[in-house]
Amino acid sequence: MHDRRKSQPRQILVSLVCLCALAYFAHHAIKGKRGLEARSRLIERSRVLEPQIARLEAARMRLERDVALLNARDPDIIEELAIEVLGFARPGDRIIVPAAARSLPPAASPPGMR
């Protein structure tokens, strides 16, 4: 009834198909878009970017602190920022210009020094 000679080629064919499927999935597990090699590249990239992330987080903290101070509507903080960042001064203020700034040509002098 059951002929072993006919089933042997079928077993070989099924084994080959399974082996090919296994090879396909193994290849993609290693070299695929989300495989082991891609994971190692991502880990290395994250190591490289960690110092930059730390710098950006520190800058973000400073900006958040400045925004909180500005939201408090403290006139002293706003005046300090206007003087420091924009180079403004009140009419009665005396401005002291360092000697190094006086020797700069007019095009290179800081804003508000002309």
PDB file of N, CA and C in Angstrom:
ATOM      1  N   MET A   1       0.790  -1.187   0.000  1.00  0.00           N
ATOM      2  CA  MET A   1       0.000   0.000   0.000  1.00  0.00           C
ATOM      3  C   MET A   1       0.840   1.263   0.000  1.00  0.00           C
ATOM      4  N   HIS A   2       1.698   1.352   0.936  1.00  0.00           N
ATOM      5  CA  HIS A   2       2.500   2.549   1.046  1.00  0.00           C
ATOM      6  C   HIS A   2       3.900   2.241   0.515  1.00  0.00           C
ATOM      7  N   ASP A   3       4.291   2.965  -0.522  1.00  0.00           N
ATOM      8  CA  ASP A   3       5.582   2.704  -1.144  1.00  0.00           C
ATOM      9  C   ASP A   3       6.621   3.690  -0.590  1.00  0.00           C
ATOM     10  N   ARG A   4       7.673   3.187   0.052  1.00  0.00           N
ATOM     11  CA  ARG A   4       8.709   4.029   0.649  1.00  0.00           C
ATOM     12  C   ARG A   4       9.510   4.767  -0.421  1.00  0.00           C
ATOM     13  N   ARG A   5       9.665   4.227  -1.556  1.00  0.00           N
ATOM     14  CA  ARG A   5      10.449   4.887  -2.600  1.00  0.00           C
ATOM     15  C   ARG A   5       9.785   6.165  -3.067  1.00  0.00           C
ATOM     16  N   LYS A   6       8.478   6.226  -3.061  1.00  0.00           N
ATOM     17  CA  LYS A   6       7.769   7.427  -3.495  1.00  0.00           C
ATOM     18  C   LYS A   6       7.818   8.506  -2.403  1.00  0.00           C
ATOM     19  N   SER A   7       7.878   8.144  -1.166  1.00  0.00           N
ATOM     20  CA  SER A   7       7.840   9.129  -0.085  1.00  0.00           C
ATOM     21  C   SER A   7       9.222   9.735   0.189  1.00  0.00           C
ATOM     22  N   GLN A   8      10.291   9.051  -0.164  1.00  0.00           N
ATOM     23  CA  GLN A   8      11.621   9.575   0.106  1.00  0.00           C
ATOM     24  C   GLN A   8      11.909  10.865  -0.668  1.00  0.00           C
ATOM     25  N   PRO A   9      11.634  10.971  -1.954  1.00  0.00           N
ATOM     26  CA  PRO A   9      11.864  12.254  -2.642  1.00  0.00           C
ATOM     27  C   PRO A   9      10.990  13.376  -2.046  1.00  0.00           C
ATOM     28  N   ARG A  10       9.819  13.013  -1.616  1.00  0.00           N
ATOM     29  CA  ARG A  10       8.925  14.013  -1.009  1.00  0.00           C
ATOM     30  C   ARG A  10       9.512  14.516   0.317  1.00  0.00           C
ATOM     31  N   GLN A  11      10.072  13.629   1.109  1.00  0.00           N
ATOM     32  CA  GLN A  11      10.701  14.030   2.370  1.00  0.00           C
ATOM     33  C   GLN A  11      11.904  14.933   2.113  1.00  0.00           C
ATOM     34  N   ILE A  12      12.664  14.615   1.093  1.00  0.00           N
ATOM     35  CA  ILE A  12      13.822  15.441   0.747  1.00  0.00           C
ATOM     36  C   ILE A  12      13.358  16.829   0.308  1.00  0.00           C
ATOM     37  N   LEU A  13      12.313  16.891  -0.491  1.00  0.00           N
ATOM     38  CA  LEU A  13      11.777  18.161  -0.965  1.00  0.00           C
ATOM     39  C   LEU A  13      11.254  19.010   0.208  1.00  0.00           C
ATOM     40  N   VAL A  14      10.537  18.421   1.111  1.00  0.00           N
ATOM     41  CA  VAL A  14      10.021  19.136   2.288  1.00  0.00           C
ATOM     42  C   VAL A  14      11.185  19.622   3.146  1.00  0.00           C
ATOM     43  N   SER A  15      12.212  18.792   3.310  1.00  0.00           N
ATOM     44  CA  SER A  15      13.380  19.194   4.091  1.00  0.00           C
ATOM     45  C   SER A  15      14.100  20.372   3.440  1.00  0.00           C
ATOM     46  N   LEU A  16      14.241  20.347   2.116  1.00  0.00           N
ATOM     47  CA  LEU A  16      14.884  21.448   1.402  1.00  0.00           C
ATOM     48  C   LEU A  16      14.079  22.744   1.525  1.00  0.00           C
ATOM     49  N   VAL A  17      12.767  22.649   1.416  1.00  0.00           N
ATOM     50  CA  VAL A  17      11.922  23.839   1.553  1.00  0.00           C
ATOM     51  C   VAL A  17      12.054  24.409   2.963  1.00  0.00           C
ATOM     52  N   CYS A  18      12.037  23.559   3.957  1.00  0.00           N
ATOM     53  CA  CYS A  18      12.197  24.019   5.355  1.00  0.00           C
ATOM     54  C   CYS A  18      13.573  24.638   5.566  1.00  0.00           C
ATOM     55  N   LEU A  19      14.597  24.027   4.993  1.00  0.00           N
ATOM     56  CA  LEU A  19      15.954  24.555   5.121  1.00  0.00           C
ATOM     57  C   LEU A  19      16.066  25.934   4.450  1.00  0.00           C
ATOM     58  N   CYS A  20      15.438  26.083   3.278  1.00  0.00           N
ATOM     59  CA  CYS A  20      15.455  27.382   2.591  1.00  0.00           C
ATOM     60  C   CYS A  20      14.725  28.446   3.408  1.00  0.00           C
ATOM     61  N   ALA A  21      13.589  28.072   3.979  1.00  0.00           N
ATOM     62  CA  ALA A  21      12.841  29.021   4.809  1.00  0.00           C
ATOM     63  C   ALA A  21      13.665  29.415   6.031  1.00  0.00           C
ATOM     64  N   LEU A  22      14.317  28.453   6.646  1.00  0.00           N
ATOM     65  CA  LEU A  22      15.159  28.733   7.801  1.00  0.00           C
ATOM     66  C   LEU A  22      16.317  29.659   7.412  1.00  0.00           C
ATOM     67  N   ALA A  23      16.951  29.405   6.284  1.00  0.00           N
ATOM     68  CA  ALA A  23      18.054  30.250   5.810  1.00  0.00           C
ATOM     69  C   ALA A  23      17.571  31.670   5.523  1.00  0.00           C
ATOM     70  N   TYR A  24      16.386  31.786   4.931  1.00  0.00           N
ATOM     71  CA  TYR A  24      15.805  33.104   4.628  1.00  0.00           C
ATOM     72  C   TYR A  24      15.608  33.904   5.914  1.00  0.00           C
ATOM     73  N   PHE A  25      14.978  33.310   6.916  1.00  0.00           N
ATOM     74  CA  PHE A  25      14.714  34.022   8.169  1.00  0.00           C
ATOM     75  C   PHE A  25      16.007  34.300   8.934  1.00  0.00           C
ATOM     76  N   ALA A  26      16.957  33.394   8.883  1.00  0.00           N
ATOM     77  CA  ALA A  26      18.241  33.627   9.561  1.00  0.00           C
ATOM     78  C   ALA A  26      18.986  34.794   8.922  1.00  0.00           C
ATOM     79  N   HIS A  27      18.959  34.843   7.591  1.00  0.00           N
ATOM     80  CA  HIS A  27      19.613  35.950   6.882  1.00  0.00           C
ATOM     81  C   HIS A  27      19.002  37.286   7.298  1.00  0.00           C
ATOM     82  N   HIS A  28      17.690  37.378   7.326  1.00  0.00           N
ATOM     83  CA  HIS A  28      17.034  38.637   7.688  1.00  0.00           C
ATOM     84  C   HIS A  28      17.174  38.959   9.176  1.00  0.00           C
ATOM     85  N   ALA A  29      17.337  37.949   9.997  1.00  0.00           N
ATOM     86  CA  ALA A  29      17.546  38.208  11.430  1.00  0.00           C
ATOM     87  C   ALA A  29      18.914  38.831  11.675  1.00  0.00           C
ATOM     88  N   ILE A  30      19.857  38.549  10.798  1.00  0.00           N
ATOM     89  CA  ILE A  30      21.201  39.096  10.967  1.00  0.00           C
ATOM     90  C   ILE A  30      21.396  40.368  10.152  1.00  0.00           C
ATOM     91  N   LYS A  31      21.053  40.340   8.882  1.00  0.00           N
ATOM     92  CA  LYS A  31      21.354  41.443   7.988  1.00  0.00           C
ATOM     93  C   LYS A  31      20.145  42.301   7.628  1.00  0.00           C
ATOM     94  N   GLY A  32      18.997  41.981   8.124  1.00  0.00           N
ATOM     95  CA  GLY A  32      17.785  42.695   7.753  1.00  0.00           C
ATOM     96  C   GLY A  32      17.704  44.098   8.319  1.00  0.00           C
ATOM     97  N   LYS A  33      16.631  44.788   7.961  1.00  0.00           N
ATOM     98  CA  LYS A  33      16.412  46.174   8.373  1.00  0.00           C
ATOM     99  C   LYS A  33      16.404  46.316   9.895  1.00  0.00           C
ATOM    100  N   ARG A  34      15.909  45.329  10.597  1.00  0.00           N
ATOM    101  CA  ARG A  34      15.871  45.343  12.060  1.00  0.00           C
ATOM    102  C   ARG A  34      16.682  44.190  12.648  1.00  0.00           C
ATOM    103  N   GLY A  35      17.697  43.774  11.922  1.00  0.00           N
ATOM    104  CA  GLY A  35      18.504  42.637  12.348  1.00  0.00           C
ATOM    105  C   GLY A  35      19.583  43.020  13.348  1.00  0.00           C
ATOM    106  N   LEU A  36      20.456  42.073  13.626  1.00  0.00           N
ATOM    107  CA  LEU A  36      21.511  42.264  14.619  1.00  0.00           C
ATOM    108  C   LEU A  36      22.516  43.332  14.193  1.00  0.00           C
ATOM    109  N   GLU A  37      22.872  43.377  12.924  1.00  0.00           N
ATOM    110  CA  GLU A  37      23.817  44.388  12.445  1.00  0.00           C
ATOM    111  C   GLU A  37      23.221  45.778  12.551  1.00  0.00           C
ATOM    112  N   ALA A  38      21.957  45.940  12.219  1.00  0.00           N
ATOM    113  CA  ALA A  38      21.296  47.240  12.331  1.00  0.00           C
ATOM    114  C   ALA A  38      21.234  47.675  13.786  1.00  0.00           C
ATOM    115  N   ARG A  39      20.999  46.736  14.675  1.00  0.00           N
ATOM    116  CA  ARG A  39      20.941  47.051  16.109  1.00  0.00           C
ATOM    117  C   ARG A  39      22.292  47.536  16.608  1.00  0.00           C
ATOM    118  N   SER A  40      23.364  46.888  16.182  1.00  0.00           N
ATOM    119  CA  SER A  40      24.691  47.318  16.623  1.00  0.00           C
ATOM    120  C   SER A  40      25.029  48.700  16.071  1.00  0.00           C
ATOM    121  N   ARG A  41      24.596  49.002  14.843  1.00  0.00           N
ATOM    122  CA  ARG A  41      24.814  50.343  14.287  1.00  0.00           C
ATOM    123  C   ARG A  41      24.039  51.389  15.092  1.00  0.00           C
ATOM    124  N   LEU A  42      22.823  51.076  15.491  1.00  0.00           N
ATOM    125  CA  LEU A  42      22.025  52.009  16.286  1.00  0.00           C
ATOM    126  C   LEU A  42      22.640  52.240  17.661  1.00  0.00           C
ATOM    127  N   ILE A  43      23.156  51.197  18.272  1.00  0.00           N
ATOM    128  CA  ILE A  43      23.797  51.344  19.580  1.00  0.00           C
ATOM    129  C   ILE A  43      25.028  52.237  19.464  1.00  0.00           C
ATOM    130  N   GLU A  44      25.825  52.038  18.426  1.00  0.00           N
ATOM    131  CA  GLU A  44      27.016  52.864  18.225  1.00  0.00           C
ATOM    132  C   GLU A  44      26.629  54.320  17.975  1.00  0.00           C
ATOM    133  N   ARG A  45      25.610  54.528  17.189  1.00  0.00           N
ATOM    134  CA  ARG A  45      25.152  55.907  16.906  1.00  0.00           C
ATOM    135  C   ARG A  45      24.648  56.577  18.181  1.00  0.00           C
ATOM    136  N   SER A  46      23.965  55.834  19.037  1.00  0.00           N
ATOM    137  CA  SER A  46      23.478  56.423  20.285  1.00  0.00           C
ATOM    138  C   SER A  46      24.649  56.786  21.199  1.00  0.00           C
ATOM    139  N   ARG A  47      25.711  55.990  21.187  1.00  0.00           N
ATOM    140  CA  ARG A  47      26.910  56.321  21.974  1.00  0.00           C
ATOM    141  C   ARG A  47      27.530  57.628  21.482  1.00  0.00           C
ATOM    142  N   VAL A  48      27.558  57.805  20.175  1.00  0.00           N
ATOM    143  CA  VAL A  48      28.144  59.012  19.590  1.00  0.00           C
ATOM    144  C   VAL A  48      27.287  60.234  19.918  1.00  0.00           C
ATOM    145  N   LEU A  49      25.970  60.076  19.948  1.00  0.00           N
ATOM    146  CA  LEU A  49      25.069  61.211  20.143  1.00  0.00           C
ATOM    147  C   LEU A  49      24.817  61.558  21.607  1.00  0.00           C
ATOM    148  N   GLU A  50      25.215  60.710  22.549  1.00  0.00           N
ATOM    149  CA  GLU A  50      24.941  60.978  23.970  1.00  0.00           C
ATOM    150  C   GLU A  50      25.521  62.298  24.458  1.00  0.00           C
ATOM    151  N   PRO A  51      26.777  62.677  24.127  1.00  0.00           N
ATOM    152  CA  PRO A  51      27.276  63.984  24.585  1.00  0.00           C
ATOM    153  C   PRO A  51      26.470  65.152  24.015  1.00  0.00           C
ATOM    154  N   GLN A  52      26.074  65.039  22.762  1.00  0.00           N
ATOM    155  CA  GLN A  52      25.274  66.101  22.154  1.00  0.00           C
ATOM    156  C   GLN A  52      23.906  66.196  22.834  1.00  0.00           C
ATOM    157  N   ILE A  53      23.333  65.069  23.167  1.00  0.00           N
ATOM    158  CA  ILE A  53      22.046  65.062  23.867  1.00  0.00           C
ATOM    159  C   ILE A  53      22.192  65.732  25.225  1.00  0.00           C
ATOM    160  N   ALA A  54      23.280  65.451  25.922  1.00  0.00           N
ATOM    161  CA  ALA A  54      23.504  66.065  27.237  1.00  0.00           C
ATOM    162  C   ALA A  54      23.640  67.580  27.111  1.00  0.00           C
ATOM    163  N   ARG A  55      24.384  68.044  26.093  1.00  0.00           N
ATOM    164  CA  ARG A  55      24.516  69.499  25.882  1.00  0.00           C
ATOM    165  C   ARG A  55      23.171  70.133  25.575  1.00  0.00           C
ATOM    166  N   LEU A  56      22.391  69.493  24.724  1.00  0.00           N
ATOM    167  CA  LEU A  56      21.091  70.044  24.359  1.00  0.00           C
ATOM    168  C   LEU A  56      20.124  70.058  25.544  1.00  0.00           C
ATOM    169  N   GLU A  57      20.194  69.026  26.377  1.00  0.00           N
ATOM    170  CA  GLU A  57      19.329  69.010  27.560  1.00  0.00           C
ATOM    171  C   GLU A  57      19.712  70.121  28.535  1.00  0.00           C
ATOM    172  N   ALA A  58      21.015  70.388  28.678  1.00  0.00           N
ATOM    173  CA  ALA A  58      21.458  71.488  29.547  1.00  0.00           C
ATOM    174  C   ALA A  58      20.984  72.826  28.995  1.00  0.00           C
ATOM    175  N   ALA A  59      21.090  73.011  27.687  1.00  0.00           N
ATOM    176  CA  ALA A  59      20.616  74.254  27.074  1.00  0.00           C
ATOM    177  C   ALA A  59      19.106  74.392  27.246  1.00  0.00           C
ATOM    178  N   ARG A  60      18.400  73.292  27.117  1.00  0.00           N
ATOM    179  CA  ARG A  60      16.945  73.317  27.311  1.00  0.00           C
ATOM    180  C   ARG A  60      16.576  73.703  28.737  1.00  0.00           C
ATOM    181  N   MET A  61      17.332  73.179  29.709  1.00  0.00           N
ATOM    182  CA  MET A  61      17.082  73.532  31.111  1.00  0.00           C
ATOM    183  C   MET A  61      17.303  75.029  31.341  1.00  0.00           C
ATOM    184  N   ARG A  62      18.389  75.574  30.745  1.00  0.00           N
ATOM    185  CA  ARG A  62      18.641  77.013  30.889  1.00  0.00           C
ATOM    186  C   ARG A  62      17.510  77.830  30.265  1.00  0.00           C
ATOM    187  N   LEU A  63      17.057  77.409  29.093  1.00  0.00           N
ATOM    188  CA  LEU A  63      15.976  78.138  28.430  1.00  0.00           C
ATOM    189  C   LEU A  63      14.679  78.038  29.222  1.00  0.00           C
ATOM    190  N   GLU A  64      14.404  76.868  29.783  1.00  0.00           N
ATOM    191  CA  GLU A  64      13.200  76.729  30.603  1.00  0.00           C
ATOM    192  C   GLU A  64      13.267  77.629  31.832  1.00  0.00           C
ATOM    193  N   ARG A  65      14.456  77.729  32.434  1.00  0.00           N
ATOM    194  CA  ARG A  65      14.626  78.617  33.581  1.00  0.00           C
ATOM    195  C   ARG A  65      14.400  80.072  33.173  1.00  0.00           C
ATOM    196  N   ASP A  66      14.952  80.463  32.002  1.00  0.00           N
ATOM    197  CA  ASP A  66      14.770  81.834  31.527  1.00  0.00           C
ATOM    198  C   ASP A  66      13.302  82.127  31.235  1.00  0.00           C
ATOM    199  N   VAL A  67      12.614  81.160  30.647  1.00  0.00           N
ATOM    200  CA  VAL A  67      11.185  81.348  30.355  1.00  0.00           C
ATOM    201  C   VAL A  67      10.398  81.476  31.652  1.00  0.00           C
ATOM    202  N   ALA A  68      10.736  80.675  32.641  1.00  0.00           N
ATOM    203  CA  ALA A  68      10.042  80.776  33.929  1.00  0.00           C
ATOM    204  C   ALA A  68      10.273  82.142  34.559  1.00  0.00           C
ATOM    205  N   LEU A  69      11.494  82.664  34.445  1.00  0.00           N
ATOM    206  CA  LEU A  69      11.772  83.996  34.984  1.00  0.00           C
ATOM    207  C   LEU A  69      11.015  85.074  34.209  1.00  0.00           C
ATOM    208  N   LEU A  70      10.924  84.907  32.892  1.00  0.00           N
ATOM    209  CA  LEU A  70      10.177  85.895  32.091  1.00  0.00           C
ATOM    210  C   LEU A  70       8.683  85.815  32.368  1.00  0.00           C
ATOM    211  N   ASN A  71       8.184  84.614  32.604  1.00  0.00           N
ATOM    212  CA  ASN A  71       6.762  84.466  32.912  1.00  0.00           C
ATOM    213  C   ASN A  71       6.414  85.074  34.261  1.00  0.00           C
ATOM    214  N   ALA A  72       7.405  85.221  35.135  1.00  0.00           N
ATOM    215  CA  ALA A  72       7.162  85.843  36.438  1.00  0.00           C
ATOM    216  C   ALA A  72       6.956  87.349  36.284  1.00  0.00           C
ATOM    217  N   ARG A  73       7.268  87.887  35.127  1.00  0.00           N
ATOM    218  CA  ARG A  73       7.122  89.308  34.802  1.00  0.00           C
ATOM    219  C   ARG A  73       7.891  90.194  35.786  1.00  0.00           C
ATOM    220  N   ASP A  74       9.058  89.728  36.154  1.00  0.00           N
ATOM    221  CA  ASP A  74       9.925  90.511  37.027  1.00  0.00           C
ATOM    222  C   ASP A  74      10.607  91.587  36.173  1.00  0.00           C
ATOM    223  N   PRO A  75      10.352  92.874  36.436  1.00  0.00           N
ATOM    224  CA  PRO A  75      10.924  93.931  35.591  1.00  0.00           C
ATOM    225  C   PRO A  75      12.455  93.959  35.631  1.00  0.00           C
ATOM    226  N   ASP A  76      13.049  93.548  36.747  1.00  0.00           N
ATOM    227  CA  ASP A  76      14.512  93.544  36.827  1.00  0.00           C
ATOM    228  C   ASP A  76      15.114  92.528  35.853  1.00  0.00           C
ATOM    229  N   ILE A  77      14.499  91.350  35.752  1.00  0.00           N
ATOM    230  CA  ILE A  77      14.998  90.316  34.829  1.00  0.00           C
ATOM    231  C   ILE A  77      14.840  90.790  33.389  1.00  0.00           C
ATOM    232  N   ILE A  78      13.708  91.382  33.070  1.00  0.00           N
ATOM    233  CA  ILE A  78      13.472  91.848  31.695  1.00  0.00           C
ATOM    234  C   ILE A  78      14.456  92.961  31.346  1.00  0.00           C
ATOM    235  N   GLU A  79      14.706  93.857  32.281  1.00  0.00           N
ATOM    236  CA  GLU A  79      15.665  94.933  32.033  1.00  0.00           C
ATOM    237  C   GLU A  79      17.077  94.371  31.862  1.00  0.00           C
ATOM    238  N   GLU A  80      17.444  93.403  32.681  1.00  0.00           N
ATOM    239  CA  GLU A  80      18.769  92.785  32.575  1.00  0.00           C
ATOM    240  C   GLU A  80      18.953  92.125  31.212  1.00  0.00           C
ATOM    241  N   LEU A  81      17.926  91.409  30.747  1.00  0.00           N
ATOM    242  CA  LEU A  81      18.009  90.780  29.423  1.00  0.00           C
ATOM    243  C   LEU A  81      18.087  91.818  28.313  1.00  0.00           C
ATOM    244  N   ALA A  82      17.353  92.913  28.431  1.00  0.00           N
ATOM    245  CA  ALA A  82      17.394  93.961  27.403  1.00  0.00           C
ATOM    246  C   ALA A  82      18.787  94.569  27.329  1.00  0.00           C
ATOM    247  N   ILE A  83      19.416  94.765  28.475  1.00  0.00           N
ATOM    248  CA  ILE A  83      20.763  95.338  28.488  1.00  0.00           C
ATOM    249  C   ILE A  83      21.775  94.336  27.946  1.00  0.00           C
ATOM    250  N   GLU A  84      21.704  93.085  28.415  1.00  0.00           N
ATOM    251  CA  GLU A  84      22.701  92.077  28.049  1.00  0.00           C
ATOM    252  C   GLU A  84      22.566  91.605  26.605  1.00  0.00           C
ATOM    253  N   VAL A  85      21.356  91.262  26.207  1.00  0.00           N
ATOM    254  CA  VAL A  85      21.163  90.658  24.889  1.00  0.00           C
ATOM    255  C   VAL A  85      21.058  91.712  23.791  1.00  0.00           C
ATOM    256  N   LEU A  86      20.270  92.742  24.029  1.00  0.00           N
ATOM    257  CA  LEU A  86      20.011  93.725  22.980  1.00  0.00           C
ATOM    258  C   LEU A  86      20.985  94.903  23.005  1.00  0.00           C
ATOM    259  N   GLY A  87      21.734  95.045  24.096  1.00  0.00           N
ATOM    260  CA  GLY A  87      22.689  96.142  24.173  1.00  0.00           C
ATOM    261  C   GLY A  87      22.031  97.470  24.525  1.00  0.00           C
ATOM    262  N   PHE A  88      20.845  97.449  25.104  1.00  0.00           N
ATOM    263  CA  PHE A  88      20.151  98.675  25.474  1.00  0.00           C
ATOM    264  C   PHE A  88      20.705  99.220  26.788  1.00  0.00           C
ATOM    265  N   ALA A  89      20.479 100.498  27.006  1.00  0.00           N
ATOM    266  CA  ALA A  89      20.841 101.140  28.273  1.00  0.00           C
ATOM    267  C   ALA A  89      19.829 102.249  28.537  1.00  0.00           C
ATOM    268  N   ARG A  90      19.654 102.570  29.809  1.00  0.00           N
ATOM    269  CA  ARG A  90      18.736 103.663  30.166  1.00  0.00           C
ATOM    270  C   ARG A  90      19.418 104.996  29.882  1.00  0.00           C
ATOM    271  N   PRO A  91      18.646 106.059  29.695  1.00  0.00           N
ATOM    272  CA  PRO A  91      19.244 107.359  29.363  1.00  0.00           C
ATOM    273  C   PRO A  91      20.261 107.852  30.401  1.00  0.00           C
ATOM    274  N   GLY A  92      20.086 107.554  31.673  1.00  0.00           N
ATOM    275  CA  GLY A  92      21.001 108.048  32.694  1.00  0.00           C
ATOM    276  C   GLY A  92      22.198 107.149  32.947  1.00  0.00           C
ATOM    277  N   ASP A  93      22.297 106.009  32.301  1.00  0.00           N
ATOM    278  CA  ASP A  93      23.384 105.061  32.543  1.00  0.00           C
ATOM    279  C   ASP A  93      24.683 105.553  31.918  1.00  0.00           C
ATOM    280  N   ARG A  94      25.788 105.249  32.586  1.00  0.00           N
ATOM    281  CA  ARG A  94      27.108 105.541  32.035  1.00  0.00           C
ATOM    282  C   ARG A  94      27.638 104.261  31.407  1.00  0.00           C
ATOM    283  N   ILE A  95      28.100 104.373  30.194  1.00  0.00           N
ATOM    284  CA  ILE A  95      28.573 103.208  29.450  1.00  0.00           C
ATOM    285  C   ILE A  95      30.090 103.254  29.414  1.00  0.00           C
ATOM    286  N   ILE A  96      30.709 102.165  29.839  1.00  0.00           N
ATOM    287  CA  ILE A  96      32.160 102.054  29.835  1.00  0.00           C
ATOM    288  C   ILE A  96      32.532 101.095  28.710  1.00  0.00           C
ATOM    289  N   VAL A  97      33.320 101.595  27.764  1.00  0.00           N
ATOM    290  CA  VAL A  97      33.728 100.798  26.622  1.00  0.00           C
ATOM    291  C   VAL A  97      35.170 100.372  26.835  1.00  0.00           C
ATOM    292  N   PRO A  98      35.455  99.064  26.868  1.00  0.00           N
ATOM    293  CA  PRO A  98      36.836  98.604  27.042  1.00  0.00           C
ATOM    294  C   PRO A  98      37.715  99.067  25.886  1.00  0.00           C
ATOM    295  N   ALA A  99      39.008  99.196  26.142  1.00  0.00           N
ATOM    296  CA  ALA A  99      39.949  99.668  25.122  1.00  0.00           C
ATOM    297  C   ALA A  99      39.985  98.738  23.919  1.00  0.00           C
ATOM    298  N   ALA A 100      39.829  97.436  24.133  1.00  0.00           N
ATOM    299  CA  ALA A 100      39.859  96.487  23.013  1.00  0.00           C
ATOM    300  C   ALA A 100      38.677  96.727  22.081  1.00  0.00           C
ATOM    301  N   ALA A 101      37.538  97.104  22.611  1.00  0.00           N
ATOM    302  CA  ALA A 101      36.366  97.354  21.770  1.00  0.00           C
ATOM    303  C   ALA A 101      36.514  98.650  20.995  1.00  0.00           C
ATOM    304  N   ARG A 102      37.244  99.635  21.548  1.00  0.00           N
ATOM    305  CA  ARG A 102      37.441 100.914  20.842  1.00  0.00           C
ATOM    306  C   ARG A 102      38.327 100.736  19.628  1.00  0.00           C
ATOM    307  N   SER A 103      39.256  99.794  19.657  1.00  0.00           N
ATOM    308  CA  SER A 103      40.196  99.636  18.550  1.00  0.00           C
ATOM    309  C   SER A 103      39.596  98.855  17.381  1.00  0.00           C
ATOM    310  N   LEU A 104      38.401  98.275  17.555  1.00  0.00           N
ATOM    311  CA  LEU A 104      37.768  97.531  16.470  1.00  0.00           C
ATOM    312  C   LEU A 104      37.284  98.496  15.390  1.00  0.00           C
ATOM    313  N   PRO A 105      37.348  98.088  14.127  1.00  0.00           N
ATOM    314  CA  PRO A 105      36.776  98.924  13.073  1.00  0.00           C
ATOM    315  C   PRO A 105      35.267  99.019  13.258  1.00  0.00           C
ATOM    316  N   PRO A 106      34.623 100.051  12.718  1.00  0.00           N
ATOM    317  CA  PRO A 106      33.174 100.238  12.937  1.00  0.00           C
ATOM    318  C   PRO A 106      32.339  99.051  12.493  1.00  0.00           C
ATOM    319  N   ALA A 107      32.731  98.336  11.450  1.00  0.00           N
ATOM    320  CA  ALA A 107      31.928  97.212  10.963  1.00  0.00           C
ATOM    321  C   ALA A 107      31.969  96.029  11.931  1.00  0.00           C
ATOM    322  N   ALA A 108      33.057  95.894  12.706  1.00  0.00           N
ATOM    323  CA  ALA A 108      33.207  94.741  13.577  1.00  0.00           C
ATOM    324  C   ALA A 108      32.817  95.031  15.017  1.00  0.00           C
ATOM    325  N   SER A 109      32.452  96.257  15.340  1.00  0.00           N
ATOM    326  CA  SER A 109      32.105  96.573  16.730  1.00  0.00           C
ATOM    327  C   SER A 109      30.762  95.945  17.081  1.00  0.00           C
ATOM    328  N   PRO A 110      30.585  95.597  18.340  1.00  0.00           N
ATOM    329  CA  PRO A 110      29.331  94.971  18.780  1.00  0.00           C
ATOM    330  C   PRO A 110      28.147  95.915  18.602  1.00  0.00           C
ATOM    331  N   PRO A 111      26.927  95.383  18.533  1.00  0.00           N
ATOM    332  CA  PRO A 111      25.746  96.241  18.364  1.00  0.00           C
ATOM    333  C   PRO A 111      25.610  97.215  19.516  1.00  0.00           C
ATOM    334  N   GLY A 112      25.212  98.426  19.200  1.00  0.00           N
ATOM    335  CA  GLY A 112      25.010  99.442  20.211  1.00  0.00           C
ATOM    336  C   GLY A 112      26.284 100.181  20.564  1.00  0.00           C
ATOM    337  N   MET A 113      27.417  99.892  19.907  1.00  0.00           N
ATOM    338  CA  MET A 113      28.689 100.538  20.223  1.00  0.00           C
ATOM    339  C   MET A 113      29.023 101.630  19.214  1.00  0.00           C
ATOM    340  N   ARG A 114      28.195 101.867  18.226  1.00  0.00           N
ATOM    341  CA  ARG A 114      28.507 102.862  17.183  1.00  0.00           C
ATOM    342  C   ARG A 114      28.042 104.214  17.585  1.00  0.00           C
TER     343      ARG A 114
END
